[in-house]
Amino acid sequence: MNRFNRKITLLILFGIVVLFSLYSASVRTFFTAFTSTVRSAYLDLTHSFDTAWQNHLRQIRTIERLQKERDALEKRLLACQSDAASFRSMQEALKIMPETNATFEAVRPEGYAMIGNFQQLWLDRFENYDPMKNYGVIRNGYAVGIVVEKKLRPLMILAGDPECMFAVYVGEVRAPGIAMGTDARHMVVKYIPQWLKLKPGDEVYTSGLDHIFPPGIPVGRLLSTQKMQGFQNAYIELYGDTLHPDFVWVTAPARGVESDS
């Protein structure tokens, strides 16, 4: 019975509120303002949430973009570090800087032209390569070979190969001759005039008269001589390493520059 009375009481109160809302301007104003406030607060909250969510998404996209840029920069850094290491290795291997009276191209051999012959290697076509021209090869500051054309490609023939030939001077008397390879550590200089006096230990260096090397590049030192008919041969020990040509300079005298013979 009490529960029924409470329900009746609530219905009566609700009816009174409804009547007041219908007939009282102040009540209607109150409920309208209250509803508008709630609606405005809801819209503001929704807008703030949407704005915060959009900012969050933009931050995520910015983070992803920055991460990709960071990864790309790390790859470039690694590539630059690798290139710098290769350049340092090349500088260490060559130990010579270009001169103004000759052209120099830093080259790395592609591989052996023939298995078992460590004195002939293919080169990639370097800048300004002319198949009609022979070039000198320098490593560690020493003359160690030549480059010739073979099968329309540049072939490097190192000083230990009998096919390697270039013009040199021997000793203080500047005895002219043609150096030819004998093995990986030695060459023989042929066609030296017999009357020129040579002695063991004499320096051998390029003359530049063959237009392969610039003049004055060290080749080796004299070990012994042998008298021939009208000439003498000089047997020399090479300064340069012909077995590990990781990097080399390919060189030639500049056009129009004569050797200082």
Protein backbone atom coordinates (compact mmCIF):
# COMPACT_ATOMS: atom_id res chain seq x y z
CA MET A 1 0.00 0.00 0.00
CA ASN A 2 2.84 2.37 0.89
CA ARG A 3 4.59 1.58 -2.41
CA PHE A 4 1.40 2.46 -4.28
CA ASN A 5 1.14 5.73 -2.37
CA ARG A 6 4.73 6.62 -3.27
CA LYS A 7 4.05 6.03 -6.96
CA ILE A 8 0.95 8.25 -6.78
CA THR A 9 2.99 10.93 -5.07
CA LEU A 10 5.72 10.82 -7.78
CA LEU A 11 3.11 11.04 -10.53
CA ILE A 12 1.52 14.02 -8.87
CA LEU A 13 4.87 15.78 -8.53
CA PHE A 14 5.73 15.04 -12.15
CA GLY A 15 2.38 16.43 -13.22
CA ILE A 16 2.99 19.59 -11.21
CA VAL A 17 6.39 20.02 -12.90
CA VAL A 18 4.78 19.54 -16.30
CA LEU A 19 2.12 22.09 -15.51
CA PHE A 20 4.70 24.54 -14.32
CA SER A 21 6.71 23.98 -17.51
CA LEU A 22 3.65 24.64 -19.59
CA TYR A 23 2.36 27.66 -17.75
CA SER A 24 5.47 29.15 -16.09
CA ALA A 25 7.84 31.13 -18.32
CA SER A 26 10.57 31.01 -15.72
CA VAL A 27 10.38 27.23 -15.53
CA ARG A 28 10.42 26.95 -19.31
CA THR A 29 13.38 29.31 -19.44
CA PHE A 30 15.19 27.29 -16.81
CA PHE A 31 14.67 23.98 -18.61
CA THR A 32 15.59 25.54 -22.00
CA ALA A 33 18.79 27.06 -20.60
CA PHE A 34 19.65 23.83 -18.84
CA THR A 35 19.12 21.82 -22.05
CA SER A 36 21.13 24.31 -24.11
CA THR A 37 23.97 24.21 -21.60
CA VAL A 38 24.05 20.44 -21.64
CA ARG A 39 23.94 20.38 -25.44
CA SER A 40 26.69 23.03 -25.70
CA ALA A 41 28.84 21.18 -23.21
CA TYR A 42 28.33 17.95 -25.18
CA LEU A 43 29.25 19.63 -28.48
CA ASP A 44 32.32 21.26 -26.93
CA LEU A 45 33.41 17.97 -25.45
CA THR A 46 32.88 16.20 -28.77
CA HIS A 47 34.84 18.91 -30.66
CA SER A 48 37.67 18.76 -28.12
CA PHE A 49 37.80 14.99 -28.45
CA ASP A 50 37.85 15.17 -32.26
CA THR A 51 40.56 17.83 -32.18
CA ALA A 52 42.66 15.80 -29.74
CA TRP A 53 42.21 12.68 -31.88
CA GLN A 54 43.21 14.50 -35.08
CA ASN A 55 46.27 15.92 -33.32
CA HIS A 56 47.13 12.44 -32.12
CA LEU A 57 46.84 11.06 -35.67
CA ARG A 58 49.00 13.91 -37.02
CA GLN A 59 51.60 13.19 -34.36
CA ILE A 60 51.59 9.51 -35.32
CA ARG A 61 52.04 10.38 -39.01
CA THR A 62 54.80 12.87 -38.14
CA ILE A 63 56.58 10.27 -36.02
CA GLU A 64 56.33 7.70 -38.83
CA ARG A 65 57.65 10.23 -41.37
CA LEU A 66 60.54 11.20 -39.11
CA GLN A 67 61.36 7.56 -38.49
CA LYS A 68 61.49 6.93 -42.25
CA GLU A 69 63.68 10.01 -42.76
CA ARG A 70 65.94 8.85 -39.93
CA ASP A 71 66.25 5.38 -41.50
CA ALA A 72 67.07 6.95 -44.88
CA LEU A 73 69.69 9.22 -43.28
CA GLU A 74 71.21 6.26 -41.46
CA LYS A 75 71.52 4.40 -44.77
CA ARG A 76 73.14 7.44 -46.39
CA LEU A 77 75.48 7.78 -43.43
CA LEU A 78 76.50 4.13 -43.73
CA ALA A 79 77.06 4.58 -47.48
CA CYS A 80 79.15 7.71 -46.84
CA GLN A 81 81.17 5.91 -44.18
CA SER A 82 81.75 3.02 -46.60
CA ASP A 83 82.80 5.43 -49.37
CA ALA A 84 85.10 7.28 -46.97
CA ALA A 85 86.69 4.01 -45.87
CA SER A 86 87.19 2.98 -49.51
CA PHE A 87 88.71 6.38 -50.29
CA ARG A 88 91.08 6.11 -47.33
CA SER A 89 92.07 2.61 -48.45
CA MET A 90 92.66 3.91 -51.96
CA GLN A 91 94.79 6.79 -50.69
CA GLU A 92 96.79 4.41 -48.52
CA ALA A 93 97.27 2.01 -51.43
CA LEU A 94 98.28 4.63 -53.98
CA LYS A 95 100.41 7.00 -51.89
CA ILE A 96 100.65 9.50 -54.71
CA MET A 97 98.81 12.67 -55.61
CA PRO A 98 98.05 13.77 -59.17
CA GLU A 99 100.51 16.10 -60.87
CA THR A 100 99.68 18.93 -63.23
CA ASN A 101 101.62 17.49 -66.17
CA ALA A 102 99.82 14.16 -66.32
CA THR A 103 96.35 12.68 -66.16
CA PHE A 104 95.50 10.33 -63.30
CA GLU A 105 92.48 8.07 -62.87
CA ALA A 106 91.94 6.00 -59.73
CA VAL A 107 90.80 2.52 -60.79
CA ARG A 108 89.96 -0.75 -59.08
CA PRO A 109 90.55 -3.89 -61.18
CA GLU A 110 87.54 -6.04 -62.10
CA GLY A 111 89.34 -9.39 -62.04
CA TYR A 112 91.98 -11.59 -63.63
CA ALA A 113 91.94 -11.87 -67.39
CA MET A 114 93.16 -15.47 -67.16
CA ILE A 115 93.07 -17.83 -64.20
CA GLY A 116 96.61 -18.54 -63.00
CA ASN A 117 98.11 -15.35 -64.44
CA PHE A 118 98.17 -12.81 -61.62
CA GLN A 119 99.83 -10.17 -63.81
CA GLN A 120 96.95 -9.46 -66.18
CA LEU A 121 93.65 -7.98 -64.98
CA TRP A 122 90.65 -6.41 -66.66
CA LEU A 123 89.77 -2.84 -65.82
CA ASP A 124 86.45 -1.09 -66.10
CA ARG A 125 86.38 1.67 -68.71
CA PHE A 126 87.67 4.71 -66.87
CA GLU A 127 86.97 8.33 -67.69
CA ASN A 128 88.47 9.55 -70.99
CA TYR A 129 89.62 6.03 -71.87
CA ASP A 130 91.11 5.91 -75.38
CA PRO A 131 91.53 2.35 -76.78
CA MET A 132 94.16 3.68 -79.20
CA LYS A 133 96.39 4.74 -76.33
CA ASN A 134 98.53 2.90 -73.76
CA TYR A 135 98.60 4.00 -70.13
CA GLY A 136 100.92 3.59 -67.18
CA VAL A 137 99.93 2.01 -63.87
CA ILE A 138 101.15 3.40 -60.54
CA ARG A 139 100.72 1.93 -57.07
CA ASN A 140 102.31 3.07 -53.79
CA GLY A 141 104.05 5.75 -55.82
CA TYR A 142 105.84 3.20 -58.06
CA ALA A 143 105.42 2.22 -61.71
CA VAL A 144 103.98 -1.30 -61.69
CA GLY A 145 102.47 -1.92 -65.12
CA ILE A 146 100.71 -0.66 -68.22
CA VAL A 147 97.20 -0.63 -69.66
CA VAL A 148 96.56 -1.75 -73.25
CA GLU A 149 93.47 -2.43 -75.31
CA LYS A 150 92.42 -6.06 -75.72
CA LYS A 151 89.05 -7.32 -76.95
CA LEU A 152 87.87 -3.70 -76.92
CA ARG A 153 88.48 -3.52 -73.18
CA PRO A 154 91.27 -1.98 -71.07
CA LEU A 155 93.67 -4.71 -69.91
CA MET A 156 96.16 -4.02 -67.13
CA ILE A 157 99.47 -5.88 -67.60
CA LEU A 158 101.61 -5.68 -64.49
CA ALA A 159 105.38 -5.40 -64.43
CA GLY A 160 106.01 -9.08 -63.76
CA ASP A 161 104.54 -10.09 -67.14
CA PRO A 162 106.86 -10.32 -70.20
CA GLU A 163 104.21 -8.42 -72.20
CA CYS A 164 104.70 -5.39 -69.95
CA MET A 165 107.18 -2.98 -71.56
CA PHE A 166 107.91 0.70 -70.99
CA ALA A 167 110.81 3.13 -71.33
CA VAL A 168 113.11 3.84 -68.36
CA TYR A 169 116.33 5.51 -67.31
CA VAL A 170 118.91 3.71 -65.17
CA GLY A 171 121.28 5.38 -62.72
CA GLU A 172 122.75 8.85 -62.56
CA VAL A 173 123.96 8.52 -66.15
CA ARG A 174 120.31 8.19 -67.20
CA ALA A 175 121.03 5.14 -69.31
CA PRO A 176 118.00 4.63 -71.57
CA GLY A 177 116.40 1.23 -72.00
CA ILE A 178 113.17 -0.72 -72.28
CA ALA A 179 111.99 -2.51 -69.13
CA MET A 180 110.29 -5.90 -69.64
CA GLY A 181 108.71 -8.14 -67.02
CA THR A 182 110.35 -11.38 -65.88
CA ASP A 183 108.44 -12.30 -62.70
CA ALA A 184 106.33 -10.67 -59.99
CA ARG A 185 109.38 -9.08 -58.34
CA HIS A 186 111.79 -8.43 -61.22
CA MET A 187 112.21 -6.85 -64.65
CA VAL A 188 115.03 -6.73 -67.16
CA VAL A 189 115.98 -3.48 -68.88
CA LYS A 190 117.17 -4.17 -72.43
CA TYR A 191 118.95 -2.22 -75.17
CA ILE A 192 121.10 -0.13 -72.81
CA PRO A 193 124.18 1.24 -74.63
CA GLN A 194 127.14 -0.92 -73.61
CA TRP A 195 129.55 1.94 -72.87
CA LEU A 196 127.39 3.47 -70.13
CA LYS A 197 128.67 2.56 -66.67
CA LEU A 198 126.08 1.14 -64.27
CA LYS A 199 126.44 -0.22 -60.76
CA PRO A 200 124.27 -2.30 -58.41
CA GLY A 201 121.84 -0.18 -56.45
CA ASP A 202 121.31 2.36 -59.24
CA GLU A 203 117.77 3.73 -59.30
CA VAL A 204 115.53 2.87 -62.24
CA TYR A 205 112.71 5.29 -63.10
CA THR A 206 110.42 6.04 -66.03
CA SER A 207 111.76 8.26 -68.79
CA GLY A 208 108.39 9.27 -70.23
CA LEU A 209 109.76 8.92 -73.78
CA ASP A 210 107.19 6.26 -74.64
CA HIS A 211 104.28 8.56 -73.71
CA ILE A 212 102.99 5.88 -71.34
CA PHE A 213 104.26 7.21 -68.01
CA PRO A 214 105.16 10.73 -66.99
CA PRO A 215 108.92 10.94 -66.36
CA GLY A 216 110.53 10.28 -63.01
CA ILE A 217 108.26 7.58 -61.55
CA PRO A 218 110.42 5.10 -59.54
CA VAL A 219 110.47 1.53 -60.86
CA GLY A 220 113.15 -0.37 -58.93
CA ARG A 221 116.86 -0.74 -58.27
CA LEU A 222 119.61 -2.37 -60.27
CA LEU A 223 120.81 -5.80 -59.18
CA SER A 224 123.25 -6.74 -61.94
CA THR A 225 124.12 -6.21 -65.59
CA GLN A 226 124.96 -8.52 -68.48
CA LYS A 227 126.93 -7.63 -71.60
CA MET A 228 125.16 -8.40 -74.87
CA GLN A 229 126.21 -7.85 -78.50
CA GLY A 230 126.39 -4.07 -78.74
CA PHE A 231 124.15 -3.55 -75.69
CA GLN A 232 123.83 -4.52 -72.05
CA ASN A 233 120.90 -5.79 -70.01
CA ALA A 234 120.17 -4.57 -66.51
CA TYR A 235 118.33 -6.86 -64.11
CA ILE A 236 116.30 -4.93 -61.56
CA GLU A 237 114.23 -5.57 -58.46
CA LEU A 238 110.84 -3.86 -58.47
CA TYR A 239 109.84 -1.44 -55.76
CA GLY A 240 106.12 -1.90 -56.33
CA ASP A 241 103.83 -4.78 -55.34
CA THR A 242 102.36 -6.44 -58.44
CA LEU A 243 100.46 -9.18 -56.61
CA HIS A 244 97.92 -7.06 -54.71
CA PRO A 245 96.68 -4.31 -57.07
CA ASP A 246 93.57 -3.42 -55.04
CA PHE A 247 93.65 0.21 -56.22
CA VAL A 248 95.89 1.76 -58.86
CA TRP A 249 96.41 5.04 -60.64
CA VAL A 250 96.06 4.82 -64.40
CA THR A 251 98.19 7.63 -65.80
CA ALA A 252 99.50 9.19 -68.98
CA PRO A 253 101.47 12.37 -69.78
CA ALA A 254 99.22 15.33 -70.50
CA ARG A 255 98.72 16.18 -74.16
CA GLY A 256 101.27 18.61 -75.49
CA VAL A 257 103.65 18.07 -72.54
CA GLU A 258 107.08 16.80 -73.49
CA SER A 259 109.21 14.75 -71.15
CA ASP A 260 112.30 16.41 -69.66
CA SER A 261 114.76 14.32 -71.58
